[in-house]
Amino acid sequence: MTYVDAMGRLLCQLEKSARSGEGAQLSPQATALLIAALDAQSEGASQSQKQTGGPAFRIALGGDKGEADELLGQTRDISIARAMFDAAAQQYFGQKVRLCLGPRIVEETP
């Protein structure tokens, strides 16, 4: 599944939820689509950064006790980064999720 396909399916699911009055809550299926979109986007992001340069916003699942962070996704758009961060915080509730710009932590869950 390509990034565009995954994002299209996610947007359809979110629109359906909004129309039914459920709001922007993500179902397990929509969350899986978001994770697929994040995975596909992160695969292409390293090539994109080589072409355009500069740091990207990264969403990472924080490792505790010296473990390395797991990259969940990255983007150059702050709005998309915040949406990805919020979705990851819900998906990984109780775990440390970080929104970073370069080496700087912009926001993290408790």
N, C-alpha and C. Protein backbone atom coordinates (compact mmCIF):
# COMPACT_ATOMS: atom_id res chain seq x y z
N MET A 1 0.86 -1.17 0.00
CA MET A 1 0.00 0.00 0.00
C MET A 1 0.90 1.24 0.00
N THR A 2 0.64 2.16 -0.89
CA THR A 2 1.44 3.37 -0.95
C THR A 2 0.97 4.36 0.09
N TYR A 3 1.82 5.35 0.36
CA TYR A 3 1.49 6.41 1.32
C TYR A 3 0.21 7.12 0.91
N VAL A 4 0.08 7.44 -0.37
CA VAL A 4 -1.10 8.16 -0.86
C VAL A 4 -2.35 7.31 -0.67
N ASP A 5 -2.26 6.02 -0.97
CA ASP A 5 -3.40 5.12 -0.79
C ASP A 5 -3.81 5.04 0.68
N ALA A 6 -2.82 4.88 1.54
CA ALA A 6 -3.10 4.76 2.97
C ALA A 6 -3.72 6.05 3.51
N MET A 7 -3.19 7.18 3.11
CA MET A 7 -3.74 8.46 3.57
C MET A 7 -5.14 8.66 3.03
N GLY A 8 -5.39 8.28 1.79
CA GLY A 8 -6.73 8.40 1.21
C GLY A 8 -7.73 7.56 1.98
N ARG A 9 -7.36 6.33 2.31
CA ARG A 9 -8.25 5.47 3.07
C ARG A 9 -8.50 6.03 4.47
N LEU A 10 -7.44 6.58 5.08
CA LEU A 10 -7.59 7.18 6.40
C LEU A 10 -8.53 8.39 6.35
N LEU A 11 -8.35 9.24 5.36
CA LEU A 11 -9.22 10.41 5.23
C LEU A 11 -10.67 10.01 5.02
N CYS A 12 -10.92 8.98 4.24
CA CYS A 12 -12.29 8.48 4.05
C CYS A 12 -12.87 7.99 5.37
N GLN A 13 -12.07 7.27 6.14
CA GLN A 13 -12.53 6.77 7.43
C GLN A 13 -12.84 7.93 8.38
N LEU A 14 -11.98 8.94 8.42
CA LEU A 14 -12.21 10.08 9.30
C LEU A 14 -13.44 10.87 8.87
N GLU A 15 -13.63 11.03 7.56
CA GLU A 15 -14.81 11.74 7.07
C GLU A 15 -16.08 10.97 7.45
N LYS A 16 -16.06 9.65 7.30
CA LYS A 16 -17.20 8.82 7.67
C LYS A 16 -17.52 8.98 9.16
N SER A 17 -16.47 8.98 10.00
CA SER A 17 -16.67 9.16 11.44
C SER A 17 -17.25 10.53 11.75
N ALA A 18 -16.75 11.55 11.08
CA ALA A 18 -17.25 12.91 11.32
C ALA A 18 -18.71 13.04 10.91
N ARG A 19 -19.07 12.46 9.79
CA ARG A 19 -20.46 12.54 9.30
C ARG A 19 -21.43 11.79 10.21
N SER A 20 -20.96 10.73 10.84
CA SER A 20 -21.84 9.96 11.72
C SER A 20 -21.91 10.54 13.12
N GLY A 21 -21.15 11.62 13.36
CA GLY A 21 -21.17 12.27 14.66
C GLY A 21 -20.18 11.72 15.65
N GLU A 22 -19.32 10.82 15.22
CA GLU A 22 -18.32 10.24 16.11
C GLU A 22 -17.14 11.17 16.34
N GLY A 23 -17.03 12.22 15.54
CA GLY A 23 -15.89 13.13 15.67
C GLY A 23 -14.64 12.54 15.06
N ALA A 24 -13.50 12.95 15.57
CA ALA A 24 -12.23 12.54 15.00
C ALA A 24 -11.58 11.39 15.76
N GLN A 25 -12.37 10.64 16.51
CA GLN A 25 -11.83 9.48 17.20
C GLN A 25 -11.41 8.45 16.17
N LEU A 26 -10.27 7.82 16.40
CA LEU A 26 -9.77 6.83 15.45
C LEU A 26 -10.16 5.43 15.92
N SER A 27 -10.79 4.70 15.02
CA SER A 27 -11.11 3.30 15.30
C SER A 27 -9.81 2.49 15.18
N PRO A 28 -9.82 1.26 15.64
CA PRO A 28 -8.63 0.41 15.45
C PRO A 28 -8.24 0.30 13.97
N GLN A 29 -9.24 0.22 13.08
CA GLN A 29 -8.96 0.13 11.65
C GLN A 29 -8.31 1.42 11.15
N ALA A 30 -8.84 2.59 11.56
CA ALA A 30 -8.27 3.87 11.13
C ALA A 30 -6.87 4.04 11.70
N THR A 31 -6.67 3.58 12.92
CA THR A 31 -5.34 3.66 13.53
C THR A 31 -4.35 2.82 12.74
N ALA A 32 -4.78 1.64 12.32
CA ALA A 32 -3.90 0.78 11.51
C ALA A 32 -3.56 1.46 10.18
N LEU A 33 -4.55 2.14 9.59
CA LEU A 33 -4.28 2.88 8.34
C LEU A 33 -3.30 4.02 8.59
N LEU A 34 -3.45 4.70 9.71
CA LEU A 34 -2.53 5.79 10.03
C LEU A 34 -1.12 5.26 10.21
N ILE A 35 -0.98 4.16 10.92
CA ILE A 35 0.34 3.56 11.11
C ILE A 35 0.95 3.15 9.77
N ALA A 36 0.14 2.59 8.87
CA ALA A 36 0.63 2.23 7.53
C ALA A 36 1.09 3.47 6.78
N ALA A 37 0.32 4.55 6.91
CA ALA A 37 0.70 5.80 6.24
C ALA A 37 1.99 6.36 6.82
N LEU A 38 2.12 6.30 8.14
CA LEU A 38 3.35 6.77 8.78
C LEU A 38 4.56 5.95 8.34
N ASP A 39 4.37 4.63 8.28
CA ASP A 39 5.46 3.76 7.84
C ASP A 39 5.88 4.08 6.41
N ALA A 40 4.89 4.21 5.52
CA ALA A 40 5.19 4.51 4.12
C ALA A 40 5.85 5.88 3.99
N GLN A 41 5.37 6.85 4.76
CA GLN A 41 5.92 8.21 4.70
C GLN A 41 7.35 8.22 5.21
N SER A 42 7.63 7.48 6.28
CA SER A 42 8.98 7.50 6.85
C SER A 42 9.99 6.84 5.92
N GLU A 43 9.55 5.85 5.13
CA GLU A 43 10.44 5.21 4.16
C GLU A 43 10.91 6.21 3.10
N GLY A 44 9.99 7.06 2.65
CA GLY A 44 10.33 8.03 1.62
C GLY A 44 10.96 9.29 2.16
N ALA A 45 10.86 9.52 3.46
CA ALA A 45 11.34 10.78 4.04
C ALA A 45 12.85 10.91 3.98
N SER A 46 13.58 9.82 4.15
CA SER A 46 15.03 9.92 4.11
C SER A 46 15.50 10.33 2.73
N GLN A 47 14.86 9.83 1.67
CA GLN A 47 15.22 10.26 0.32
C GLN A 47 14.82 11.71 0.10
N SER A 48 13.67 12.10 0.61
CA SER A 48 13.20 13.48 0.47
C SER A 48 14.14 14.45 1.17
N GLN A 49 14.63 14.08 2.35
CA GLN A 49 15.53 14.96 3.09
C GLN A 49 16.85 15.11 2.34
N LYS A 50 17.31 14.06 1.68
CA LYS A 50 18.54 14.16 0.90
C LYS A 50 18.35 15.14 -0.25
N GLN A 51 17.16 15.17 -0.83
CA GLN A 51 16.91 16.03 -1.98
C GLN A 51 16.68 17.48 -1.57
N THR A 52 15.94 17.72 -0.46
CA THR A 52 15.58 19.08 -0.09
C THR A 52 16.40 19.65 1.05
N GLY A 53 17.07 18.81 1.84
CA GLY A 53 17.89 19.26 2.95
C GLY A 53 17.05 19.75 4.11
N GLY A 54 17.72 20.00 5.23
CA GLY A 54 17.04 20.53 6.40
C GLY A 54 16.36 19.45 7.21
N PRO A 55 16.13 19.75 8.50
CA PRO A 55 15.53 18.76 9.38
C PRO A 55 14.03 18.62 9.16
N ALA A 56 13.54 17.46 9.49
CA ALA A 56 12.10 17.19 9.43
C ALA A 56 11.59 16.99 10.85
N PHE A 57 10.30 17.18 11.04
CA PHE A 57 9.67 16.84 12.30
C PHE A 57 9.63 15.32 12.36
N ARG A 58 9.99 14.77 13.51
CA ARG A 58 9.98 13.32 13.70
C ARG A 58 9.03 12.98 14.83
N ILE A 59 8.32 11.87 14.69
CA ILE A 59 7.49 11.34 15.75
C ILE A 59 8.14 10.03 16.15
N ALA A 60 8.52 9.94 17.43
CA ALA A 60 9.26 8.78 17.89
C ALA A 60 8.63 8.20 19.14
N LEU A 61 8.70 6.89 19.24
CA LEU A 61 8.29 6.18 20.44
C LEU A 61 9.54 6.07 21.30
N GLY A 62 9.51 6.74 22.45
CA GLY A 62 10.71 6.87 23.28
C GLY A 62 11.08 5.60 24.00
N GLY A 63 12.36 5.30 23.93
CA GLY A 63 12.88 4.18 24.69
C GLY A 63 13.23 4.65 26.09
N ASP A 64 12.96 3.82 27.06
CA ASP A 64 13.32 4.14 28.44
C ASP A 64 14.61 3.43 28.81
N LYS A 65 15.24 3.91 29.84
CA LYS A 65 16.46 3.28 30.38
C LYS A 65 17.54 3.13 29.32
N GLY A 66 17.75 4.18 28.53
CA GLY A 66 18.84 4.19 27.57
C GLY A 66 18.56 3.50 26.25
N GLU A 67 17.35 2.95 26.07
CA GLU A 67 17.01 2.31 24.80
C GLU A 67 16.83 3.37 23.72
N ALA A 68 17.07 3.02 22.48
CA ALA A 68 16.92 3.96 21.37
C ALA A 68 15.45 4.20 21.06
N ASP A 69 15.14 5.41 20.58
CA ASP A 69 13.79 5.73 20.14
C ASP A 69 13.46 4.95 18.87
N GLU A 70 12.16 4.61 18.72
CA GLU A 70 11.68 3.98 17.49
C GLU A 70 11.00 5.06 16.65
N LEU A 71 11.48 5.28 15.44
CA LEU A 71 10.89 6.28 14.55
C LEU A 71 9.55 5.79 14.04
N LEU A 72 8.49 6.57 14.32
CA LEU A 72 7.15 6.22 13.84
C LEU A 72 6.83 6.92 12.53
N GLY A 73 7.39 8.11 12.33
CA GLY A 73 7.14 8.86 11.10
C GLY A 73 7.85 10.20 11.12
N GLN A 74 7.90 10.84 9.98
CA GLN A 74 8.47 12.18 9.90
C GLN A 74 7.87 12.93 8.73
N THR A 75 7.85 14.25 8.87
CA THR A 75 7.28 15.13 7.86
C THR A 75 7.88 16.51 8.02
N ARG A 76 7.76 17.35 7.01
CA ARG A 76 8.23 18.73 7.08
C ARG A 76 7.09 19.69 7.43
N ASP A 77 5.87 19.20 7.48
CA ASP A 77 4.69 20.03 7.73
C ASP A 77 4.30 19.93 9.20
N ILE A 78 4.28 21.06 9.92
CA ILE A 78 3.98 21.05 11.36
C ILE A 78 2.56 20.57 11.64
N SER A 79 1.60 20.91 10.78
CA SER A 79 0.22 20.47 11.00
C SER A 79 0.11 18.96 10.92
N ILE A 80 0.76 18.38 9.93
CA ILE A 80 0.76 16.92 9.78
C ILE A 80 1.52 16.29 10.95
N ALA A 81 2.63 16.91 11.34
CA ALA A 81 3.42 16.39 12.45
C ALA A 81 2.60 16.36 13.74
N ARG A 82 1.85 17.42 14.01
CA ARG A 82 1.01 17.47 15.23
C ARG A 82 -0.08 16.39 15.17
N ALA A 83 -0.69 16.22 13.99
CA ALA A 83 -1.72 15.19 13.85
C ALA A 83 -1.13 13.80 14.04
N MET A 84 0.04 13.58 13.50
CA MET A 84 0.71 12.29 13.66
C MET A 84 1.07 12.06 15.13
N PHE A 85 1.54 13.12 15.80
CA PHE A 85 1.90 13.02 17.22
C PHE A 85 0.67 12.67 18.05
N ASP A 86 -0.44 13.38 17.82
CA ASP A 86 -1.68 13.13 18.57
C ASP A 86 -2.17 11.70 18.37
N ALA A 87 -2.13 11.22 17.13
CA ALA A 87 -2.57 9.85 16.83
C ALA A 87 -1.65 8.83 17.50
N ALA A 88 -0.36 9.08 17.44
CA ALA A 88 0.60 8.15 18.07
C ALA A 88 0.43 8.15 19.59
N ALA A 89 0.15 9.32 20.18
CA ALA A 89 -0.06 9.40 21.63
C ALA A 89 -1.26 8.57 22.05
N GLN A 90 -2.31 8.56 21.23
CA GLN A 90 -3.48 7.72 21.52
C GLN A 90 -3.17 6.24 21.31
N GLN A 91 -2.49 5.94 20.22
CA GLN A 91 -2.16 4.55 19.88
C GLN A 91 -1.23 3.93 20.93
N TYR A 92 -0.27 4.70 21.42
CA TYR A 92 0.72 4.20 22.36
C TYR A 92 0.52 4.82 23.74
N PHE A 93 -0.74 4.91 24.17
CA PHE A 93 -1.09 5.51 25.45
C PHE A 93 -0.29 4.85 26.58
N GLY A 94 0.29 5.69 27.42
CA GLY A 94 1.09 5.18 28.52
C GLY A 94 2.56 5.02 28.19
N GLN A 95 2.91 5.17 26.92
CA GLN A 95 4.31 5.11 26.51
C GLN A 95 4.77 6.50 26.11
N LYS A 96 6.05 6.74 26.16
CA LYS A 96 6.62 8.05 25.83
C LYS A 96 6.65 8.22 24.31
N VAL A 97 5.89 9.21 23.82
CA VAL A 97 5.89 9.57 22.40
C VAL A 97 6.45 10.97 22.30
N ARG A 98 7.36 11.19 21.36
CA ARG A 98 8.01 12.49 21.21
C ARG A 98 7.79 13.07 19.82
N LEU A 99 7.59 14.39 19.79
CA LEU A 99 7.58 15.16 18.55
C LEU A 99 8.86 15.96 18.57
N CYS A 100 9.73 15.72 17.59
CA CYS A 100 11.05 16.35 17.57
C CYS A 100 11.26 17.13 16.28
N LEU A 101 12.09 18.14 16.36
CA LEU A 101 12.56 18.87 15.19
C LEU A 101 14.07 18.87 15.29
N GLY A 102 14.70 18.10 14.40
CA GLY A 102 16.13 17.91 14.51
C GLY A 102 16.42 17.25 15.86
N PRO A 103 17.40 17.74 16.62
CA PRO A 103 17.71 17.15 17.91
C PRO A 103 16.80 17.64 19.05
N ARG A 104 15.96 18.64 18.78
CA ARG A 104 15.15 19.27 19.82
C ARG A 104 13.81 18.55 19.99
N ILE A 105 13.42 18.30 21.25
CA ILE A 105 12.11 17.74 21.55
C ILE A 105 11.12 18.89 21.64
N VAL A 106 10.13 18.90 20.73
CA VAL A 106 9.12 19.94 20.69
C VAL A 106 8.03 19.64 21.71
N GLU A 107 7.62 18.38 21.80
CA GLU A 107 6.56 17.98 22.73
C GLU A 107 6.73 16.49 22.99
N GLU A 108 6.33 16.06 24.19
CA GLU A 108 6.33 14.64 24.49
C GLU A 108 5.22 14.33 25.47
N THR A 109 4.76 13.07 25.41
CA THR A 109 3.71 12.64 26.33
C THR A 109 4.34 12.35 27.68
N PRO A 110 3.53 12.44 28.73
CA PRO A 110 4.09 12.18 30.08
C PRO A 110 4.50 10.73 30.27
